[in-house]
N, C-alpha and C. Protein backbone atom coordinates (compact mmCIF):
# COMPACT_ATOMS: atom_id res chain seq x y z
N MET A 1 -166.35 -20.44 167.24
CA MET A 1 -165.49 -21.65 166.70
C MET A 1 -165.42 -21.96 165.87
N SER A 2 -166.75 -21.53 164.95
CA SER A 2 -166.81 -21.91 163.22
C SER A 2 -166.23 -20.77 162.71
N GLY A 3 -165.93 -19.26 163.62
CA GLY A 3 -165.68 -18.30 162.62
C GLY A 3 -163.80 -18.73 162.57
N ARG A 4 -163.31 -19.21 162.80
CA ARG A 4 -162.24 -19.65 162.82
C ARG A 4 -161.61 -20.64 161.59
N GLY A 5 -162.59 -21.84 161.59
CA GLY A 5 -162.62 -22.77 160.21
C GLY A 5 -162.77 -22.03 159.07
N LYS A 6 -164.37 -21.04 159.01
CA LYS A 6 -164.33 -20.35 157.57
C LYS A 6 -162.83 -19.40 157.36
N GLY A 7 -161.97 -18.86 158.50
CA GLY A 7 -160.87 -18.44 158.24
C GLY A 7 -160.22 -19.24 157.22
N LYS A 8 -159.98 -20.03 157.94
CA LYS A 8 -158.93 -21.24 157.22
C LYS A 8 -159.43 -21.74 156.07
N ARG A 9 -160.46 -21.65 155.58
CA ARG A 9 -161.12 -22.29 154.54
C ARG A 9 -160.85 -21.35 153.41
N SER A 10 -161.07 -20.20 154.10
CA SER A 10 -161.08 -18.72 153.23
C SER A 10 -159.48 -18.60 152.65
N ALA A 11 -158.31 -18.72 153.60
CA ALA A 11 -157.32 -18.73 153.25
C ALA A 11 -156.69 -20.20 152.36
N GLN A 12 -157.38 -21.17 152.49
CA GLN A 12 -157.02 -21.97 151.44
C GLN A 12 -157.40 -22.46 149.94
N GLY A 13 -158.93 -21.70 150.28
CA GLY A 13 -159.58 -21.37 148.45
C GLY A 13 -158.41 -20.30 147.88
N GLY A 14 -157.89 -19.72 148.70
CA GLY A 14 -157.35 -18.29 147.72
C GLY A 14 -156.04 -18.44 147.72
N LEU A 15 -154.81 -19.89 148.36
CA LEU A 15 -154.48 -20.49 147.81
C LEU A 15 -154.50 -21.25 146.85
N ALA A 16 -155.56 -21.74 146.85
CA ALA A 16 -155.66 -22.99 145.72
C ALA A 16 -156.17 -22.04 144.47
N THR A 17 -157.01 -20.93 144.60
CA THR A 17 -156.96 -19.97 143.05
C THR A 17 -155.68 -19.43 143.19
N ALA A 18 -154.96 -19.08 143.80
CA ALA A 18 -153.38 -18.63 143.44
C ALA A 18 -152.60 -19.83 142.59
N GLY A 19 -153.28 -21.43 142.88
CA GLY A 19 -152.15 -22.19 142.00
C GLY A 19 -152.96 -22.06 140.69
N VAL A 20 -153.93 -22.15 140.99
CA VAL A 20 -154.77 -22.72 139.73
C VAL A 20 -154.23 -21.32 138.78
N ALA A 21 -154.70 -20.12 138.98
CA ALA A 21 -153.99 -18.85 137.95
C ALA A 21 -152.63 -19.35 137.64
N ALA A 22 -151.88 -19.44 138.80
CA ALA A 22 -150.44 -19.62 138.29
C ALA A 22 -149.91 -20.56 137.35
N LEU A 23 -150.65 -21.81 137.56
CA LEU A 23 -150.52 -23.21 136.50
C LEU A 23 -151.38 -22.69 134.89
N ALA A 24 -152.72 -21.63 134.93
CA ALA A 24 -152.98 -20.87 133.92
C ALA A 24 -152.37 -20.27 133.05
N VAL A 25 -151.41 -19.35 133.65
CA VAL A 25 -150.58 -18.49 133.14
C VAL A 25 -149.34 -19.77 132.67
N VAL A 26 -149.13 -20.27 132.74
CA VAL A 26 -147.95 -20.87 132.88
C VAL A 26 -148.45 -21.94 131.96
N CYS A 27 -149.66 -22.82 131.58
CA CYS A 27 -150.10 -23.38 130.36
C CYS A 27 -150.45 -22.48 129.15
N CYS A 28 -150.96 -21.42 129.81
CA CYS A 28 -151.79 -20.52 128.79
C CYS A 28 -150.59 -19.53 127.79
N ALA A 29 -149.98 -19.03 129.08
CA ALA A 29 -149.51 -18.00 127.94
C ALA A 29 -148.03 -18.23 128.06
N ALA A 30 -147.29 -19.13 129.10
CA ALA A 30 -145.64 -18.85 128.93
C ALA A 30 -145.33 -20.15 128.20
N LEU A 31 -146.07 -21.18 127.96
CA LEU A 31 -145.95 -22.98 127.23
C LEU A 31 -145.68 -22.13 125.59
N PRO A 32 -146.82 -21.53 125.40
CA PRO A 32 -146.74 -21.15 123.62
C PRO A 32 -145.30 -20.18 123.18
N LEU A 33 -145.27 -19.91 124.16
CA LEU A 33 -143.64 -18.53 124.30
C LEU A 33 -142.33 -19.86 123.96
N VAL A 34 -142.91 -20.45 124.90
CA VAL A 34 -141.71 -21.50 125.30
C VAL A 34 -141.60 -22.16 123.51
N ILE A 35 -142.66 -22.52 123.00
CA ILE A 35 -142.74 -23.71 122.23
C ILE A 35 -142.46 -22.64 120.51
N ALA A 36 -142.63 -21.35 120.70
CA ALA A 36 -142.27 -20.47 119.82
C ALA A 36 -141.14 -20.65 119.65
N LEU A 37 -139.91 -20.45 120.62
CA LEU A 37 -139.07 -19.92 120.92
C LEU A 37 -138.27 -20.96 120.41
N ALA A 38 -138.69 -22.07 120.69
CA ALA A 38 -137.92 -23.52 120.33
C ALA A 38 -137.93 -24.12 119.10
N GLY A 39 -139.41 -23.55 118.41
CA GLY A 39 -139.57 -23.73 116.74
C GLY A 39 -138.74 -22.73 115.89
N SER A 40 -138.43 -20.95 116.57
CA SER A 40 -137.66 -20.18 115.83
C SER A 40 -136.24 -20.71 115.53
N VAL A 41 -135.98 -21.27 116.71
CA VAL A 41 -134.04 -21.54 116.81
C VAL A 41 -134.20 -22.88 116.31
N ALA A 42 -135.17 -23.62 116.04
CA ALA A 42 -134.89 -24.95 114.93
C ALA A 42 -134.91 -24.39 113.84
N ILE A 43 -135.77 -23.47 113.80
CA ILE A 43 -135.77 -22.69 112.36
C ILE A 43 -134.32 -22.19 111.76
N GLY A 44 -133.93 -21.60 112.67
CA GLY A 44 -132.43 -20.64 112.69
C GLY A 44 -131.43 -21.82 112.48
N THR A 45 -131.14 -22.77 113.26
CA THR A 45 -130.47 -24.39 113.02
C THR A 45 -130.59 -24.82 111.56
N VAL A 46 -132.09 -25.17 111.09
CA VAL A 46 -131.84 -25.40 110.00
C VAL A 46 -131.56 -24.86 108.89
N LEU A 47 -132.11 -23.85 108.62
CA LEU A 47 -131.68 -22.30 107.60
C LEU A 47 -129.91 -22.14 107.95
N GLY A 48 -129.56 -22.31 108.67
CA GLY A 48 -127.95 -22.01 109.59
C GLY A 48 -127.68 -23.26 108.89
N VAL A 49 -127.43 -24.06 108.58
CA VAL A 49 -127.34 -25.59 108.42
C VAL A 49 -127.26 -25.53 106.57
N GLY A 50 -128.17 -25.34 106.40
CA GLY A 50 -128.39 -25.56 104.56
C GLY A 50 -127.83 -24.46 104.29
N VAL A 51 -127.11 -22.96 104.78
CA VAL A 51 -126.41 -21.96 103.80
C VAL A 51 -124.99 -22.20 104.46
N GLY A 52 -124.96 -23.05 105.55
CA GLY A 52 -123.47 -23.70 105.16
C GLY A 52 -123.35 -24.82 104.19
N VAL A 53 -124.09 -25.82 104.06
CA VAL A 53 -123.98 -27.16 103.43
C VAL A 53 -123.54 -26.22 101.76
N ALA A 54 -124.50 -25.08 101.59
CA ALA A 54 -124.10 -24.41 100.58
C ALA A 54 -123.15 -23.84 99.83
N ALA A 55 -122.81 -23.39 100.84
CA ALA A 55 -121.30 -22.80 101.37
C ALA A 55 -120.28 -23.73 100.55
N ALA A 56 -120.26 -25.02 101.23
CA ALA A 56 -119.45 -25.71 101.22
C ALA A 56 -119.39 -26.41 99.97
N ALA A 57 -121.02 -26.26 99.09
CA ALA A 57 -120.59 -26.95 98.37
C ALA A 57 -120.00 -25.89 96.99
N GLY A 58 -120.57 -24.65 97.19
CA GLY A 58 -120.31 -23.46 96.26
C GLY A 58 -118.70 -23.85 96.44
N LEU A 59 -118.06 -24.02 97.50
CA LEU A 59 -116.43 -23.92 97.64
C LEU A 59 -115.64 -25.30 96.87
N ALA A 60 -116.38 -25.98 96.99
CA ALA A 60 -115.81 -27.28 96.18
C ALA A 60 -116.44 -26.99 94.79
N ALA A 61 -117.08 -26.94 94.44
CA ALA A 61 -117.52 -26.40 93.15
C ALA A 61 -116.77 -25.85 92.45
N ALA A 62 -115.91 -24.47 93.16
CA ALA A 62 -114.99 -23.66 93.11
C ALA A 62 -113.68 -24.34 92.59
N ILE A 63 -112.97 -25.25 93.70
CA ILE A 63 -111.46 -25.79 93.64
C ILE A 63 -111.93 -27.18 91.99
N VAL A 64 -112.88 -27.73 92.50
CA VAL A 64 -112.95 -28.33 91.26
C VAL A 64 -113.11 -27.75 90.17
N LEU A 65 -113.27 -26.59 89.86
CA LEU A 65 -113.26 -25.73 88.33
C LEU A 65 -111.81 -25.53 88.22
N ARG A 66 -111.37 -24.68 89.18
CA ARG A 66 -110.14 -24.35 89.01
C ARG A 66 -109.16 -25.86 89.18
N ALA A 67 -109.26 -26.60 89.12
CA ALA A 67 -108.26 -27.47 89.30
C ALA A 67 -108.57 -27.79 87.42
N ARG A 68 -109.76 -27.99 87.33
CA ARG A 68 -109.91 -28.58 85.86
C ARG A 68 -109.28 -27.92 84.68
N ARG A 69 -109.31 -26.75 84.73
CA ARG A 69 -108.69 -25.16 84.02
C ARG A 69 -107.76 -25.48 84.50
N ARG A 70 -106.75 -25.80 85.39
CA ARG A 70 -105.26 -25.79 85.27
C ARG A 70 -105.13 -26.75 84.86
N ARG A 71 -105.40 -27.56 84.71
CA ARG A 71 -105.21 -29.16 83.98
C ARG A 71 -105.51 -29.23 82.41
N SER A 72 -106.24 -28.31 82.07
CA SER A 72 -106.95 -27.90 80.59
C SER A 72 -105.37 -27.48 80.72
N SER A 73 -105.01 -26.19 80.58
CA SER A 73 -104.27 -24.98 80.85
C SER A 73 -102.88 -25.80 80.25
N THR A 74 -102.63 -27.05 81.67
CA THR A 74 -101.02 -27.45 81.50
C THR A 74 -101.17 -28.46 80.14
N ARG A 75 -102.23 -28.91 79.50
CA ARG A 75 -102.26 -30.11 78.81
C ARG A 75 -102.20 -29.12 77.31
N ARG A 76 -102.63 -28.22 77.08
CA ARG A 76 -102.36 -27.49 75.93
C ARG A 76 -100.79 -26.70 75.75
N THR A 77 -100.23 -26.30 76.99
CA THR A 77 -98.75 -25.85 76.65
C THR A 77 -97.90 -26.90 76.36
N GLU A 78 -98.17 -28.59 76.69
CA GLU A 78 -97.38 -29.55 76.63
C GLU A 78 -97.45 -29.95 75.25
N SER A 79 -98.50 -29.95 74.84
CA SER A 79 -98.74 -30.75 73.11
C SER A 79 -98.15 -29.88 72.18
N PRO A 80 -97.59 -30.31 71.15
CA PRO A 80 -96.70 -29.39 70.14
C PRO A 80 -98.32 -28.63 69.43
N PRO A 81 -97.57 -27.28 68.86
CA PRO A 81 -99.26 -27.07 68.20
C PRO A 81 -99.28 -27.32 66.63
N GLN A 82 -100.75 -27.48 66.40
CA GLN A 82 -101.25 -28.58 65.28
C GLN A 82 -101.08 -27.63 63.89
N GLY A 83 -100.66 -28.01 63.10
CA GLY A 83 -100.51 -27.50 61.57
C GLY A 83 -98.92 -26.81 61.46
N SER A 84 -98.13 -27.02 62.17
CA SER A 84 -97.46 -26.82 62.23
C SER A 84 -95.86 -28.18 61.07
N TYR A 85 -95.75 -28.01 59.89
CA TYR A 85 -94.89 -29.38 59.65
C TYR A 85 -94.35 -28.38 58.52
N ARG A 86 -93.51 -29.07 58.62
CA ARG A 86 -91.66 -28.00 57.89
C ARG A 86 -91.53 -29.55 57.03
N GLY A 87 -91.77 -29.15 55.44
CA GLY A 87 -91.55 -30.04 55.08
C GLY A 87 -90.69 -29.71 54.11
N SER A 88 -89.57 -29.34 54.32
CA SER A 88 -88.50 -29.53 53.49
C SER A 88 -87.24 -30.58 54.00
């Protein structure tokens, strides 16, 4: 009878060992990989948003500069030329 009980303990001990080993793999190997992946995604998101904001700012600056140049060129054509006095 004591032979049977020993076999059950051995099986339970093997199952517990496998559970501890699986937990060690998840905590010590997979968890840092998941954290590194999440960190790289976060960095990629921040950089992507930063590049998008910079592109939008550049586009807005280009539109503003073009509008200013267009306004200043229409003002020059509408005003009479300087120094054209006909004194007769």
